[in-house]
PDB file of N, CA and C in Angstrom:
ATOM      1  N   MET A   1      11.176  15.712  11.236  1.00  0.00           N
ATOM      2  CA  MET A   1      10.607  15.329  12.416  1.00  0.00           C
ATOM      3  C   MET A   1      11.469  14.921  13.457  1.00  0.00           C
ATOM      4  N   ILE A   2      13.068  14.722  13.118  1.00  0.00           N
ATOM      5  CA  ILE A   2      13.961  14.402  13.723  1.00  0.00           C
ATOM      6  C   ILE A   2      13.914  15.690  14.727  1.00  0.00           C
ATOM      7  N   ALA A   3      14.365  16.861  13.913  1.00  0.00           N
ATOM      8  CA  ALA A   3      14.560  17.935  14.525  1.00  0.00           C
ATOM      9  C   ALA A   3      13.164  18.289  15.801  1.00  0.00           C
ATOM     10  N   ALA A   4      12.146  17.952  15.148  1.00  0.00           N
ATOM     11  CA  ALA A   4      11.105  18.466  16.277  1.00  0.00           C
ATOM     12  C   ALA A   4      10.856  17.290  17.490  1.00  0.00           C
ATOM     13  N   LEU A   5      11.259  16.173  17.190  1.00  0.00           N
ATOM     14  CA  LEU A   5      11.604  15.473  18.372  1.00  0.00           C
ATOM     15  C   LEU A   5      12.635  15.740  18.896  1.00  0.00           C
ATOM     16  N   ALA A   6      13.716  15.525  18.601  1.00  0.00           N
ATOM     17  CA  ALA A   6      14.835  16.566  19.281  1.00  0.00           C
ATOM     18  C   ALA A   6      14.459  18.090  19.958  1.00  0.00           C
ATOM     19  N   LYS A   7      14.033  18.780  19.413  1.00  0.00           N
ATOM     20  CA  LYS A   7      13.081  20.112  20.190  1.00  0.00           C
ATOM     21  C   LYS A   7      12.539  19.381  21.670  1.00  0.00           C
ATOM     22  N   ALA A   8      11.597  18.855  21.314  1.00  0.00           N
ATOM     23  CA  ALA A   8      10.396  18.348  22.238  1.00  0.00           C
ATOM     24  C   ALA A   8      11.200  17.334  23.452  1.00  0.00           C
ATOM     25  N   ASN A   9      12.510  17.102  23.402  1.00  0.00           N
ATOM     26  CA  ASN A   9      13.246  16.479  24.322  1.00  0.00           C
ATOM     27  C   ASN A   9      14.435  17.331  24.702  1.00  0.00           C
ATOM     28  N   ASN A  10      14.249  18.361  24.518  1.00  0.00           N
ATOM     29  CA  ASN A  10      15.726  19.321  24.769  1.00  0.00           C
ATOM     30  C   ASN A  10      17.159  18.698  24.163  1.00  0.00           C
ATOM     31  N   ILE A  11      16.952  18.373  23.248  1.00  0.00           N
ATOM     32  CA  ILE A  11      18.518  18.107  22.483  1.00  0.00           C
ATOM     33  C   ILE A  11      18.299  19.062  21.447  1.00  0.00           C
ATOM     34  N   PRO A  12      19.739  19.775  21.551  1.00  0.00           N
ATOM     35  CA  PRO A  12      20.341  20.816  20.689  1.00  0.00           C
ATOM     36  C   PRO A  12      20.082  20.158  19.227  1.00  0.00           C
ATOM     37  N   VAL A  13      19.912  20.712  18.296  1.00  0.00           N
ATOM     38  CA  VAL A  13      20.046  20.552  16.877  1.00  0.00           C
ATOM     39  C   VAL A  13      20.735  21.631  16.332  1.00  0.00           C
ATOM     40  N   LEU A  14      21.919  21.297  15.343  1.00  0.00           N
ATOM     41  CA  LEU A  14      22.819  22.018  15.089  1.00  0.00           C
ATOM     42  C   LEU A  14      22.800  21.480  13.883  1.00  0.00           C
ATOM     43  N   VAL A  15      22.670  22.289  12.910  1.00  0.00           N
ATOM     44  CA  VAL A  15      22.860  22.312  10.992  1.00  0.00           C
ATOM     45  C   VAL A  15      23.925  22.875  10.659  1.00  0.00           C
ATOM     46  N   CYS A  16      24.706  22.008   9.728  1.00  0.00           N
ATOM     47  CA  CYS A  16      26.296  22.513   9.332  1.00  0.00           C
ATOM     48  C   CYS A  16      25.698  22.823   7.773  1.00  0.00           C
ATOM     49  N   CYS A  17      25.919  23.695   7.135  1.00  0.00           N
ATOM     50  CA  CYS A  17      25.506  24.368   6.069  1.00  0.00           C
ATOM     51  C   CYS A  17      26.691  25.995   5.492  1.00  0.00           C
ATOM     52  N   GLU A  18      26.780  25.840   4.669  1.00  0.00           N
ATOM     53  CA  GLU A  18      27.414  27.210   3.868  1.00  0.00           C
ATOM     54  C   GLU A  18      26.254  28.430   3.744  1.00  0.00           C
ATOM     55  N   SER A  19      27.034  29.597   3.778  1.00  0.00           N
ATOM     56  CA  SER A  19      26.165  30.378   3.711  1.00  0.00           C
ATOM     57  C   SER A  19      25.285  30.634   2.736  1.00  0.00           C
ATOM     58  N   TYR A  20      25.934  30.496   1.581  1.00  0.00           N
ATOM     59  CA  TYR A  20      25.824  30.663   0.137  1.00  0.00           C
ATOM     60  C   TYR A  20      24.709  29.719  -0.127  1.00  0.00           C
ATOM     61  N   LYS A  21      24.223  28.479   0.928  1.00  0.00           N
ATOM     62  CA  LYS A  21      22.899  28.213   0.537  1.00  0.00           C
ATOM     63  C   LYS A  21      21.462  28.788   1.230  1.00  0.00           C
ATOM     64  N   PHE A  22      21.882  30.134   1.976  1.00  0.00           N
ATOM     65  CA  PHE A  22      20.795  30.491   2.885  1.00  0.00           C
ATOM     66  C   PHE A  22      19.860  31.587   1.576  1.00  0.00           C
ATOM     67  N   THR A  23      18.868  31.473   1.839  1.00  0.00           N
ATOM     68  CA  THR A  23      17.819  31.655   0.822  1.00  0.00           C
ATOM     69  C   THR A  23      16.828  32.582   1.517  1.00  0.00           C
ATOM     70  N   ASP A  24      16.408  33.821   1.122  1.00  0.00           N
ATOM     71  CA  ASP A  24      15.059  34.586   1.732  1.00  0.00           C
ATOM     72  C   ASP A  24      13.773  34.223   1.294  1.00  0.00           C
ATOM     73  N   LYS A  25      13.787  33.039   0.054  1.00  0.00           N
ATOM     74  CA  LYS A  25      12.356  32.444  -0.280  1.00  0.00           C
ATOM     75  C   LYS A  25      11.399  31.732   0.722  1.00  0.00           C
ATOM     76  N   VAL A  26      10.341  32.052   0.738  1.00  0.00           N
ATOM     77  CA  VAL A  26       9.646  31.183   1.438  1.00  0.00           C
ATOM     78  C   VAL A  26       8.822  29.916   0.706  1.00  0.00           C
ATOM     79  N   GLN A  27       8.838  28.696   1.323  1.00  0.00           N
ATOM     80  CA  GLN A  27       8.718  27.490   0.539  1.00  0.00           C
ATOM     81  C   GLN A  27       7.661  26.815   1.485  1.00  0.00           C
ATOM     82  N   LEU A  28       6.521  27.028   0.681  1.00  0.00           N
ATOM     83  CA  LEU A  28       5.213  26.416   1.557  1.00  0.00           C
ATOM     84  C   LEU A  28       5.326  25.090   1.651  1.00  0.00           C
ATOM     85  N   SER A  29       5.803  24.294   0.908  1.00  0.00           N
ATOM     86  CA  SER A  29       6.133  22.920   0.956  1.00  0.00           C
ATOM     87  C   SER A  29       6.981  22.356   0.352  1.00  0.00           C
ATOM     88  N   SER A  30       7.657  21.522   0.823  1.00  0.00           N
ATOM     89  CA  SER A  30       9.023  21.044   0.417  1.00  0.00           C
ATOM     90  C   SER A  30       9.018  20.252  -0.734  1.00  0.00           C
ATOM     91  N   GLY A  31       7.947  20.054  -1.419  1.00  0.00           N
ATOM     92  CA  GLY A  31       7.839  19.437  -3.139  1.00  0.00           C
ATOM     93  C   GLY A  31       7.389  20.279  -4.222  1.00  0.00           C
ATOM     94  N   SER A  32       7.171  21.281  -3.889  1.00  0.00           N
ATOM     95  CA  SER A  32       6.606  22.266  -4.687  1.00  0.00           C
ATOM     96  C   SER A  32       7.444  22.687  -5.894  1.00  0.00           C
ATOM     97  N   SER A  33       8.720  23.003  -5.130  1.00  0.00           N
ATOM     98  CA  SER A  33       9.788  23.681  -5.940  1.00  0.00           C
ATOM     99  C   SER A  33      11.358  22.665  -5.845  1.00  0.00           C
ATOM    100  N   ASN A  34      10.952  21.457  -5.357  1.00  0.00           N
ATOM    101  CA  ASN A  34      12.116  20.786  -4.879  1.00  0.00           C
ATOM    102  C   ASN A  34      12.473  19.780  -6.059  1.00  0.00           C
ATOM    103  N   GLN A  35      13.742  19.557  -6.121  1.00  0.00           N
ATOM    104  CA  GLN A  35      14.318  18.563  -7.272  1.00  0.00           C
ATOM    105  C   GLN A  35      13.994  17.042  -6.532  1.00  0.00           C
ATOM    106  N   GLN A  36      13.380  16.446  -7.162  1.00  0.00           N
ATOM    107  CA  GLN A  36      13.205  14.826  -7.338  1.00  0.00           C
ATOM    108  C   GLN A  36      14.386  13.896  -7.088  1.00  0.00           C
ATOM    109  N   ALA A  37      14.553  12.998  -6.732  1.00  0.00           N
ATOM    110  CA  ALA A  37      15.793  11.748  -7.162  1.00  0.00           C
ATOM    111  C   ALA A  37      14.955  10.747  -7.159  1.00  0.00           C
ATOM    112  N   ARG A  38      15.469   9.734  -7.380  1.00  0.00           N
ATOM    113  CA  ARG A  38      14.581   8.275  -7.855  1.00  0.00           C
ATOM    114  C   ARG A  38      14.077   7.759  -6.744  1.00  0.00           C
ATOM    115  N   GLY A  39      12.872   7.205  -6.653  1.00  0.00           N
ATOM    116  CA  GLY A  39      12.252   6.918  -5.819  1.00  0.00           C
ATOM    117  C   GLY A  39      12.689   5.121  -5.054  1.00  0.00           C
ATOM    118  N   LYS A  40      13.190   4.620  -6.155  1.00  0.00           N
ATOM    119  CA  LYS A  40      13.616   3.345  -5.867  1.00  0.00           C
ATOM    120  C   LYS A  40      14.636   3.480  -5.023  1.00  0.00           C
ATOM    121  N   ASP A  41      15.582   4.448  -5.044  1.00  0.00           N
ATOM    122  CA  ASP A  41      16.853   4.737  -3.986  1.00  0.00           C
ATOM    123  C   ASP A  41      16.436   4.599  -2.672  1.00  0.00           C
ATOM    124  N   LEU A  42      14.969   4.696  -2.222  1.00  0.00           N
ATOM    125  CA  LEU A  42      14.657   4.794  -0.964  1.00  0.00           C
ATOM    126  C   LEU A  42      14.310   3.223  -0.323  1.00  0.00           C
ATOM    127  N   ILE A  43      14.169   2.207  -1.334  1.00  0.00           N
ATOM    128  CA  ILE A  43      14.021   0.825  -1.000  1.00  0.00           C
ATOM    129  C   ILE A  43      15.244  -0.074  -1.120  1.00  0.00           C
ATOM    130  N   ASN A  44      15.956   0.236  -2.167  1.00  0.00           N
ATOM    131  CA  ASN A  44      17.516  -0.256  -2.577  1.00  0.00           C
ATOM    132  C   ASN A  44      18.471   0.269  -1.633  1.00  0.00           C
ATOM    133  N   ILE A  45      18.857  -0.256  -0.642  1.00  0.00           N
ATOM    134  CA  ILE A  45      19.837   0.330   0.436  1.00  0.00           C
ATOM    135  C   ILE A  45      21.393  -0.529   0.122  1.00  0.00           C
ATOM    136  N   CYS A  46      22.107  -0.360  -0.313  1.00  0.00           N
ATOM    137  CA  CYS A  46      23.493  -1.011  -0.075  1.00  0.00           C
ATOM    138  C   CYS A  46      23.459  -2.269  -0.891  1.00  0.00           C
ATOM    139  N   HIS A  47      22.511  -2.436  -1.826  1.00  0.00           N
ATOM    140  CA  HIS A  47      22.403  -3.555  -2.842  1.00  0.00           C
ATOM    141  C   HIS A  47      21.878  -4.810  -1.846  1.00  0.00           C
ATOM    142  N   ARG A  48      21.196  -4.399  -0.849  1.00  0.00           N
ATOM    143  CA  ARG A  48      20.404  -5.405  -0.031  1.00  0.00           C
ATOM    144  C   ARG A  48      19.080  -5.663  -0.692  1.00  0.00           C
ATOM    145  N   THR A  49      18.296  -6.464  -0.297  1.00  0.00           N
ATOM    146  CA  THR A  49      16.982  -7.024  -1.059  1.00  0.00           C
ATOM    147  C   THR A  49      16.192  -5.756  -0.539  1.00  0.00           C
ATOM    148  N   PRO A  50      15.576  -5.390  -1.467  1.00  0.00           N
ATOM    149  CA  PRO A  50      14.550  -4.063  -1.403  1.00  0.00           C
ATOM    150  C   PRO A  50      13.495  -4.387  -0.228  1.00  0.00           C
ATOM    151  N   ILE A  51      13.462  -3.239   0.980  1.00  0.00           N
ATOM    152  CA  ILE A  51      12.668  -3.283   1.830  1.00  0.00           C
ATOM    153  C   ILE A  51      11.044  -3.660   1.447  1.00  0.00           C
ATOM    154  N   ILE A  52      10.473  -3.046   0.240  1.00  0.00           N
ATOM    155  CA  ILE A  52       9.627  -3.189  -0.361  1.00  0.00           C
ATOM    156  C   ILE A  52       9.502  -3.774  -1.467  1.00  0.00           C
ATOM    157  N   PRO A  53      10.052  -5.335  -1.735  1.00  0.00           N
ATOM    158  CA  PRO A  53      10.197  -5.472  -3.420  1.00  0.00           C
ATOM    159  C   PRO A  53       9.087  -5.380  -4.156  1.00  0.00           C
ATOM    160  N   ASN A  54       7.480  -5.363  -3.939  1.00  0.00           N
ATOM    161  CA  ASN A  54       6.612  -5.131  -5.344  1.00  0.00           C
ATOM    162  C   ASN A  54       5.683  -3.526  -5.114  1.00  0.00           C
ATOM    163  N   TYR A  55       6.721  -2.906  -4.666  1.00  0.00           N
ATOM    164  CA  TYR A  55       6.085  -1.333  -4.708  1.00  0.00           C
ATOM    165  C   TYR A  55       5.143  -1.177  -5.735  1.00  0.00           C
ATOM    166  N   GLU A  56       5.822  -1.314  -6.896  1.00  0.00           N
ATOM    167  CA  GLU A  56       4.764  -0.912  -8.097  1.00  0.00           C
ATOM    168  C   GLU A  56       3.828  -1.708  -8.304  1.00  0.00           C
ATOM    169  N   GLU A  57       3.566  -2.965  -8.121  1.00  0.00           N
ATOM    170  CA  GLU A  57       2.778  -4.018  -8.240  1.00  0.00           C
ATOM    171  C   GLU A  57       1.488  -3.471  -7.278  1.00  0.00           C
ATOM    172  N   ILE A  58       1.841  -2.514  -6.237  1.00  0.00           N
ATOM    173  CA  ILE A  58       0.872  -2.550  -4.966  1.00  0.00           C
ATOM    174  C   ILE A  58       0.383  -0.842  -5.084  1.00  0.00           C
ATOM    175  N   ASN A  59       0.942  -0.435  -6.529  1.00  0.00           N
ATOM    176  CA  ASN A  59       0.588   1.169  -6.694  1.00  0.00           C
ATOM    177  C   ASN A  59       1.174   1.933  -5.952  1.00  0.00           C
ATOM    178  N   LEU A  60       2.336   1.677  -5.129  1.00  0.00           N
ATOM    179  CA  LEU A  60       2.606   2.564  -4.690  1.00  0.00           C
ATOM    180  C   LEU A  60       3.708   3.762  -4.854  1.00  0.00           C
ATOM    181  N   HIS A  61       3.906   4.848  -4.934  1.00  0.00           N
ATOM    182  CA  HIS A  61       4.629   5.952  -5.676  1.00  0.00           C
ATOM    183  C   HIS A  61       5.506   6.251  -4.304  1.00  0.00           C
ATOM    184  N   LEU A  62       6.610   6.175  -4.759  1.00  0.00           N
ATOM    185  CA  LEU A  62       7.738   6.761  -3.993  1.00  0.00           C
ATOM    186  C   LEU A  62       7.968   8.117  -4.416  1.00  0.00           C
ATOM    187  N   SER A  63       8.163   9.131  -3.517  1.00  0.00           N
ATOM    188  CA  SER A  63       8.718  10.492  -3.559  1.00  0.00           C
ATOM    189  C   SER A  63      10.100  10.728  -2.619  1.00  0.00           C
ATOM    190  N   ASN A  64      10.938  10.918  -3.709  1.00  0.00           N
ATOM    191  CA  ASN A  64      12.235  11.088  -2.804  1.00  0.00           C
ATOM    192  C   ASN A  64      13.211  12.546  -3.121  1.00  0.00           C
ATOM    193  N   ILE A  65      12.390  13.074  -2.027  1.00  0.00           N
ATOM    194  CA  ILE A  65      13.200  15.042  -2.433  1.00  0.00           C
ATOM    195  C   ILE A  65      14.447  15.144  -1.802  1.00  0.00           C
ATOM    196  N   LEU A  66      15.074  15.984  -2.623  1.00  0.00           N
ATOM    197  CA  LEU A  66      16.647  15.960  -2.230  1.00  0.00           C
ATOM    198  C   LEU A  66      16.741  17.077  -0.944  1.00  0.00           C
ATOM    199  N   TYR A  67      15.755  18.033  -1.110  1.00  0.00           N
ATOM    200  CA  TYR A  67      15.979  19.140  -0.069  1.00  0.00           C
ATOM    201  C   TYR A  67      15.058  18.875   1.055  1.00  0.00           C
ATOM    202  N   ASP A  68      15.582  19.349   2.233  1.00  0.00           N
ATOM    203  CA  ASP A  68      14.078  19.714   3.404  1.00  0.00           C
ATOM    204  C   ASP A  68      14.173  20.894   3.823  1.00  0.00           C
ATOM    205  N   VAL A  69      13.114  21.006   4.129  1.00  0.00           N
ATOM    206  CA  VAL A  69      12.380  22.369   4.683  1.00  0.00           C
ATOM    207  C   VAL A  69      12.202  22.072   6.522  1.00  0.00           C
ATOM    208  N   THR A  70      13.040  23.022   6.941  1.00  0.00           N
ATOM    209  CA  THR A  70      12.886  22.155   8.745  1.00  0.00           C
ATOM    210  C   THR A  70      12.516  23.985   8.935  1.00  0.00           C
ATOM    211  N   HIS A  71      11.557  23.802  10.201  1.00  0.00           N
ATOM    212  CA  HIS A  71      11.260  25.221  10.790  1.00  0.00           C
ATOM    213  C   HIS A  71      12.196  25.789  11.464  1.00  0.00           C
ATOM    214  N   SER A  72      12.457  27.086  11.575  1.00  0.00           N
ATOM    215  CA  SER A  72      13.856  27.554  12.239  1.00  0.00           C
ATOM    216  C   SER A  72      13.284  27.445  13.852  1.00  0.00           C
ATOM    217  N   GLY A  73      12.361  27.443  14.355  1.00  0.00           N
ATOM    218  CA  GLY A  73      12.314  26.894  15.823  1.00  0.00           C
ATOM    219  C   GLY A  73      12.790  25.879  16.224  1.00  0.00           C
ATOM    220  N   TYR A  74      13.081  25.005  15.368  1.00  0.00           N
ATOM    221  CA  TYR A  74      13.475  23.551  15.809  1.00  0.00           C
ATOM    222  C   TYR A  74      15.123  23.319  15.803  1.00  0.00           C
ATOM    223  N   ILE A  75      15.405  24.487  15.102  1.00  0.00           N
ATOM    224  CA  ILE A  75      17.188  24.613  14.567  1.00  0.00           C
ATOM    225  C   ILE A  75      17.753  25.399  16.143  1.00  0.00           C
ATOM    226  N   THR A  76      18.516  24.822  16.802  1.00  0.00           N
ATOM    227  CA  THR A  76      19.298  25.594  17.705  1.00  0.00           C
ATOM    228  C   THR A  76      20.409  26.358  17.197  1.00  0.00           C
ATOM    229  N   ALA A  77      21.087  26.253  16.374  1.00  0.00           N
ATOM    230  CA  ALA A  77      22.066  26.701  15.728  1.00  0.00           C
ATOM    231  C   ALA A  77      22.605  26.332  14.326  1.00  0.00           C
ATOM    232  N   LEU A  78      23.020  27.545  13.634  1.00  0.00           N
ATOM    233  CA  LEU A  78      23.564  26.941  12.493  1.00  0.00           C
ATOM    234  C   LEU A  78      25.164  26.841  12.412  1.00  0.00           C
ATOM    235  N   VAL A  79      25.877  26.141  11.602  1.00  0.00           N
ATOM    236  CA  VAL A  79      27.356  25.804  11.957  1.00  0.00           C
ATOM    237  C   VAL A  79      27.513  26.512  10.635  1.00  0.00           C
ATOM    238  N   THR A  80      28.352  27.243  10.189  1.00  0.00           N
ATOM    239  CA  THR A  80      28.777  27.991   8.825  1.00  0.00           C
ATOM    240  C   THR A  80      30.095  28.462   8.857  1.00  0.00           C
ATOM    241  N   GLU A  81      30.813  28.573   7.834  1.00  0.00           N
ATOM    242  CA  GLU A  81      31.953  29.379   7.460  1.00  0.00           C
ATOM    243  C   GLU A  81      32.214  30.623   8.594  1.00  0.00           C
ATOM    244  N   LEU A  82      31.135  31.328   8.583  1.00  0.00           N
ATOM    245  CA  LEU A  82      30.773  32.376   9.198  1.00  0.00           C
ATOM    246  C   LEU A  82      30.883  32.091  10.657  1.00  0.00           C
ATOM    247  N   GLY A  83      30.846  31.085  11.141  1.00  0.00           N
ATOM    248  CA  GLY A  83      30.713  30.471  12.617  1.00  0.00           C
ATOM    249  C   GLY A  83      29.716  30.180  13.033  1.00  0.00           C
ATOM    250  N   MET A  84      29.245  30.034  14.328  1.00  0.00           N
ATOM    251  CA  MET A  84      28.129  29.334  14.930  1.00  0.00           C
ATOM    252  C   MET A  84      26.886  30.682  15.226  1.00  0.00           C
ATOM    253  N   LEU A  85      25.845  30.329  14.527  1.00  0.00           N
ATOM    254  CA  LEU A  85      24.911  31.442  14.371  1.00  0.00           C
ATOM    255  C   LEU A  85      23.493  31.134  14.646  1.00  0.00           C
ATOM    256  N   PRO A  86      22.713  32.061  15.196  1.00  0.00           N
ATOM    257  CA  PRO A  86      21.526  31.583  15.462  1.00  0.00           C
ATOM    258  C   PRO A  86      20.818  31.534  14.181  1.00  0.00           C
ATOM    259  N   CYS A  87      19.278  31.163  13.920  1.00  0.00           N
ATOM    260  CA  CYS A  87      18.767  31.272  12.817  1.00  0.00           C
ATOM    261  C   CYS A  87      18.017  32.398  12.576  1.00  0.00           C
ATOM    262  N   THR A  88      17.944  33.418  13.535  1.00  0.00           N
ATOM    263  CA  THR A  88      17.523  34.755  13.200  1.00  0.00           C
ATOM    264  C   THR A  88      18.716  35.627  12.853  1.00  0.00           C
ATOM    265  N   SER A  89      20.010  35.186  12.962  1.00  0.00           N
ATOM    266  CA  SER A  89      21.039  35.774  12.009  1.00  0.00           C
ATOM    267  C   SER A  89      20.984  35.877  10.579  1.00  0.00           C
ATOM    268  N   VAL A  90      20.093  34.875   9.909  1.00  0.00           N
ATOM    269  CA  VAL A  90      20.113  34.724   8.254  1.00  0.00           C
ATOM    270  C   VAL A  90      19.688  35.479   7.618  1.00  0.00           C
ATOM    271  N   PRO A  91      18.952  36.482   7.800  1.00  0.00           N
ATOM    272  CA  PRO A  91      18.739  37.707   7.282  1.00  0.00           C
ATOM    273  C   PRO A  91      19.653  38.790   7.291  1.00  0.00           C
ATOM    274  N   VAL A  92      20.616  38.679   8.102  1.00  0.00           N
ATOM    275  CA  VAL A  92      21.705  39.538   8.334  1.00  0.00           C
ATOM    276  C   VAL A  92      22.764  39.240   7.166  1.00  0.00           C
ATOM    277  N   VAL A  93      22.962  38.187   7.477  1.00  0.00           N
ATOM    278  CA  VAL A  93      24.181  37.256   6.328  1.00  0.00           C
ATOM    279  C   VAL A  93      23.520  37.503   4.783  1.00  0.00           C
ATOM    280  N   LEU A  94      22.349  37.305   4.754  1.00  0.00           N
ATOM    281  CA  LEU A  94      21.886  37.678   3.525  1.00  0.00           C
ATOM    282  C   LEU A  94      21.725  39.183   3.023  1.00  0.00           C
ATOM    283  N   ARG A  95      21.481  40.186   3.835  1.00  0.00           N
ATOM    284  CA  ARG A  95      21.781  41.253   3.649  1.00  0.00           C
ATOM    285  C   ARG A  95      23.415  41.654   2.993  1.00  0.00           C
ATOM    286  N   ARG A  96      24.220  41.299   3.844  1.00  0.00           N
ATOM    287  CA  ARG A  96      25.696  41.551   4.017  1.00  0.00           C
ATOM    288  C   ARG A  96      25.876  40.687   2.624  1.00  0.00           C
ATOM    289  N   GLN A  97      25.479  39.693   1.964  1.00  0.00           N
ATOM    290  CA  GLN A  97      25.934  39.095   0.687  1.00  0.00           C
ATOM    291  C   GLN A  97      25.707  39.996  -0.425  1.00  0.00           C
ATOM    292  N   GLU A  98      24.291  40.374  -0.284  1.00  0.00           N
ATOM    293  CA  GLU A  98      23.699  41.252  -1.224  1.00  0.00           C
ATOM    294  C   GLU A  98      24.266  42.537  -1.312  1.00  0.00           C
ATOM    295  N   ASP A  99      24.982  43.213  -0.120  1.00  0.00           N
ATOM    296  CA  ASP A  99      25.641  44.779   0.075  1.00  0.00           C
ATOM    297  C   ASP A  99      27.294  43.781  -0.992  1.00  0.00           C
ATOM    298  N   LYS A 100      27.502  43.099  -0.467  1.00  0.00           N
ATOM    299  CA  LYS A 100      28.932  42.547  -1.605  1.00  0.00           C
ATOM    300  C   LYS A 100      28.630  42.630  -2.924  1.00  0.00           C
ATOM    301  N   ASN A 101      27.414  41.797  -3.281  1.00  0.00           N
ATOM    302  CA  ASN A 101      27.254  41.679  -4.726  1.00  0.00           C
ATOM    303  C   ASN A 101      27.175  43.049  -5.670  1.00  0.00           C
ATOM    304  N   THR A 102      26.502  44.170  -4.496  1.00  0.00           N
ATOM    305  CA  THR A 102      26.095  45.210  -5.731  1.00  0.00           C
ATOM    306  C   THR A 102      27.570  46.252  -5.687  1.00  0.00           C
ATOM    307  N   LEU A 103      28.569  45.424  -5.048  1.00  0.00           N
ATOM    308  CA  LEU A 103      29.991  46.252  -5.280  1.00  0.00           C
ATOM    309  C   LEU A 103      30.649  46.383  -6.436  1.00  0.00           C
TER     310      LEU A 103
END
C-alpha cells in the first residue's frame, strides 16, 4: 500500500535487497507460500499495552506474514550489491546467476 501511495504521488520507491533474494517464481498471493510470524507480535509493540488487548475474545485471528509481494510497477529502482537497477533487470540478473551456477 505504501508503494502504491508513493507511486500515485510521484514519490520514488527504492527497495534495498541483495540479488540472491531475486526469484523467477510468481506468487499469486503473499499468503500462499509465505512464512508466518506470531500474530500477537502485531499488537504487542515494545512492551506497551496491546493495541487490541482482547483480540482472542472477539474472535480476531491475526496473520503476520514475513514477506511482502509488491508489484514491480510501484518500484522505481532496486538498490543491490550490483548497483541501482530497474525492476526490468531482474531476469537478466537471474540468468547471469544461473550461468555462474552451471560453470
